[in-house]
C-alpha atoms as a PDB file:
ATOM      1  CA  MET A   1     -93.246 -67.295   1.726  1.00  0.00           C
ATOM      2  CA  ALA A   2     -91.189 -67.675   4.885  1.00  0.00           C
ATOM      3  CA  PHE A   3     -92.858 -67.133   8.236  1.00  0.00           C
ATOM      4  CA  LEU A   4     -91.196 -64.412  10.312  1.00  0.00           C
ATOM      5  CA  ASP A   5     -90.808 -65.199  13.984  1.00  0.00           C
ATOM      6  CA  LYS A   6     -91.742 -61.912  15.669  1.00  0.00           C
ATOM      7  CA  THR A   7     -90.355 -63.019  19.022  1.00  0.00           C
ATOM      8  CA  ASN A   8     -86.837 -63.234  17.571  1.00  0.00           C
ATOM      9  CA  LYS A   9     -87.250 -59.979  15.682  1.00  0.00           C
ATOM     10  CA  ASP A  10     -88.331 -58.141  18.842  1.00  0.00           C
ATOM     11  CA  LYS A  11     -85.233 -59.356  20.707  1.00  0.00           C
ATOM     12  CA  ARG A  12     -82.768 -58.099  18.090  1.00  0.00           C
ATOM     13  CA  SER A  13     -81.040 -54.765  18.402  1.00  0.00           C
ATOM     14  CA  LEU A  14     -82.152 -52.049  16.031  1.00  0.00           C
ATOM     15  CA  VAL A  15     -79.826 -50.059  13.802  1.00  0.00           C
ATOM     16  CA  VAL A  16     -79.776 -46.256  13.824  1.00  0.00           C
ATOM     17  CA  ASN A  17     -77.995 -44.413  11.022  1.00  0.00           C
ATOM     18  CA  MET A  18     -76.988 -40.766  10.952  1.00  0.00           C
ATOM     19  CA  ARG A  19     -74.795 -38.459   8.958  1.00  0.00           C
ATOM     20  CA  VAL A  20     -72.056 -36.548  10.762  1.00  0.00           C
ATOM     21  CA  GLU A  21     -69.359 -34.122   9.740  1.00  0.00           C
ATOM     22  CA  PRO A  22     -65.800 -35.504   9.770  1.00  0.00           C
ATOM     23  CA  ASN A  23     -64.732 -33.140  12.562  1.00  0.00           C
ATOM     24  CA  GLN A  24     -67.715 -34.253  14.688  1.00  0.00           C
ATOM     25  CA  LEU A  25     -66.822 -37.900  14.151  1.00  0.00           C
ATOM     26  CA  ASP A  26     -63.199 -37.245  15.077  1.00  0.00           C
ATOM     27  CA  LEU A  27     -64.279 -35.607  18.325  1.00  0.00           C
ATOM     28  CA  ILE A  28     -66.694 -38.444  19.129  1.00  0.00           C
ATOM     29  CA  ASP A  29     -64.046 -41.067  18.380  1.00  0.00           C
ATOM     30  CA  THR A  30     -61.494 -39.289  20.560  1.00  0.00           C
ATOM     31  CA  ALA A  31     -63.932 -39.011  23.467  1.00  0.00           C
ATOM     32  CA  ALA A  32     -65.020 -42.645  23.072  1.00  0.00           C
ATOM     33  CA  SER A  33     -61.385 -43.757  23.111  1.00  0.00           C
ATOM     34  CA  VAL A  34     -60.638 -41.727  26.246  1.00  0.00           C
ATOM     35  CA  CYS A  35     -63.648 -43.347  27.940  1.00  0.00           C
ATOM     36  CA  GLY A  36     -62.589 -46.817  26.797  1.00  0.00           C
ATOM     37  CA  LYS A  37     -65.783 -47.299  24.778  1.00  0.00           C
ATOM     38  CA  THR A  38     -66.589 -48.066  21.202  1.00  0.00           C
ATOM     39  CA  ARG A  39     -68.028 -45.264  19.109  1.00  0.00           C
ATOM     40  CA  SER A  40     -71.450 -46.935  19.178  1.00  0.00           C
ATOM     41  CA  ALA A  41     -71.419 -47.450  22.936  1.00  0.00           C
ATOM     42  CA  PHE A  42     -70.273 -43.871  23.532  1.00  0.00           C
ATOM     43  CA  MET A  43     -72.930 -42.409  21.222  1.00  0.00           C
ATOM     44  CA  LEU A  44     -75.682 -44.609  22.661  1.00  0.00           C
ATOM     45  CA  ASP A  45     -74.765 -43.642  26.233  1.00  0.00           C
ATOM     46  CA  ALA A  46     -74.701 -39.947  25.323  1.00  0.00           C
ATOM     47  CA  ALA A  47     -78.010 -40.127  23.456  1.00  0.00           C
ATOM     48  CA  TYR A  48     -79.626 -42.072  26.294  1.00  0.00           C
ATOM     49  CA  ARG A  49     -78.491 -39.525  28.899  1.00  0.00           C
ATOM     50  CA  ALA A  50     -79.733 -36.669  26.711  1.00  0.00           C
ATOM     51  CA  ALA A  51     -83.104 -38.393  26.304  1.00  0.00           C
ATOM     52  CA  GLU A  52     -83.460 -38.900  30.062  1.00  0.00           C
ATOM     53  CA  GLU A  53     -82.515 -35.288  30.709  1.00  0.00           C
ATOM     54  CA  ALA A  54     -85.010 -34.024  28.126  1.00  0.00           C
ATOM     55  CA  LEU A  55     -87.799 -36.055  29.723  1.00  0.00           C
ATOM     56  CA  LEU A  56     -86.851 -34.989  33.238  1.00  0.00           C
ATOM     57  CA  ASP A  57     -87.065 -31.364  32.115  1.00  0.00           C
ATOM     58  CA  TRP A  58     -90.763 -32.010  31.532  1.00  0.00           C
ATOM     59  CA  ARG A  59     -91.297 -33.726  34.894  1.00  0.00           C
ATOM     60  CA  LEU A  60     -88.921 -32.067  37.316  1.00  0.00           C
ATOM     61  CA  PHE A  61     -88.520 -28.412  38.053  1.00  0.00           C
ATOM     62  CA  ARG A  62     -86.256 -26.767  40.571  1.00  0.00           C
ATOM     63  CA  LEU A  63     -87.088 -23.743  42.650  1.00  0.00           C
ATOM     64  CA  ASN A  64     -85.071 -21.602  44.994  1.00  0.00           C
ATOM     65  CA  ASP A  65     -86.444 -20.966  48.503  1.00  0.00           C
ATOM     66  CA  ASP A  66     -88.471 -17.889  47.522  1.00  0.00           C
ATOM     67  CA  GLN A  67     -89.937 -19.586  44.479  1.00  0.00           C
ATOM     68  CA  TRP A  68     -90.800 -22.668  46.553  1.00  0.00           C
ATOM     69  CA  LYS A  69     -92.643 -20.529  49.114  1.00  0.00           C
ATOM     70  CA  ALA A  70     -94.583 -18.711  46.389  1.00  0.00           C
ATOM     71  CA  PHE A  71     -95.416 -22.023  44.717  1.00  0.00           C
ATOM     72  CA  ASN A  72     -96.765 -23.486  47.961  1.00  0.00           C
ATOM     73  CA  GLN A  73     -98.738 -20.350  48.728  1.00  0.00           C
ATOM     74  CA  ALA A  74    -100.387 -20.584  45.312  1.00  0.00           C
ATOM     75  CA  LEU A  75    -101.255 -24.236  45.956  1.00  0.00           C
ATOM     76  CA  ASP A  76    -102.717 -23.384  49.359  1.00  0.00           C
ATOM     77  CA  LEU A  77    -105.107 -20.765  47.987  1.00  0.00           C
ATOM     78  CA  PRO A  78    -108.710 -21.893  47.741  1.00  0.00           C
ATOM     79  CA  PRO A  79    -109.785 -22.614  44.175  1.00  0.00           C
ATOM     80  CA  GLU A  80    -111.530 -19.844  42.295  1.00  0.00           C
ATOM     81  CA  LYS A  81    -115.211 -20.369  41.589  1.00  0.00           C
ATOM     82  CA  ASN A  82    -115.743 -21.959  38.227  1.00  0.00           C
ATOM     83  CA  GLU A  83    -119.430 -22.168  37.372  1.00  0.00           C
ATOM     84  CA  LYS A  84    -118.906 -24.148  34.164  1.00  0.00           C
ATOM     85  CA  LEU A  85    -116.836 -26.759  35.992  1.00  0.00           C
ATOM     86  CA  HIS A  86    -119.468 -26.943  38.736  1.00  0.00           C
ATOM     87  CA  GLN A  87    -122.183 -27.537  36.128  1.00  0.00           C
ATOM     88  CA  LEU A  88    -120.089 -30.168  34.386  1.00  0.00           C
ATOM     89  CA  LEU A  89    -119.567 -32.068  37.625  1.00  0.00           C
ATOM     90  CA  GLN A  90    -123.331 -32.150  38.214  1.00  0.00           C
ATOM     91  CA  VAL A  91    -123.984 -33.985  34.928  1.00  0.00           C
ATOM     92  CA  LYS A  92    -124.216 -37.768  35.136  1.00  0.00           C
ATOM     93  CA  SER A  93    -121.665 -39.743  33.179  1.00  0.00           C
ATOM     94  CA  PRO A  94    -123.035 -41.724  30.212  1.00  0.00           C
ATOM     95  CA  TRP A  95    -122.262 -45.007  31.976  1.00  0.00           C
ATOM     96  CA  GLU A  96    -124.165 -44.058  35.148  1.00  0.00           C
END
């Protein structure tokens, strides 16, 4: 049995396959051509941007001035009493 060199395998590009409708492929090819990119490069760039945007939607939120003021006011309020949390914080950790 041949030994697989994982270091070489990890450095290779991976292949992604997908099915598309002919009209979708035509549109993608036209856009890729206009941008001077191959279909693969165009699709990878678009997918990468969409992935970044999706992740930023979970990390970044935008507020108008009124929303920002309300947000800061809520942060500035003193925390509500939470007896269960207080009790939990009084318990020693298992490693202590």
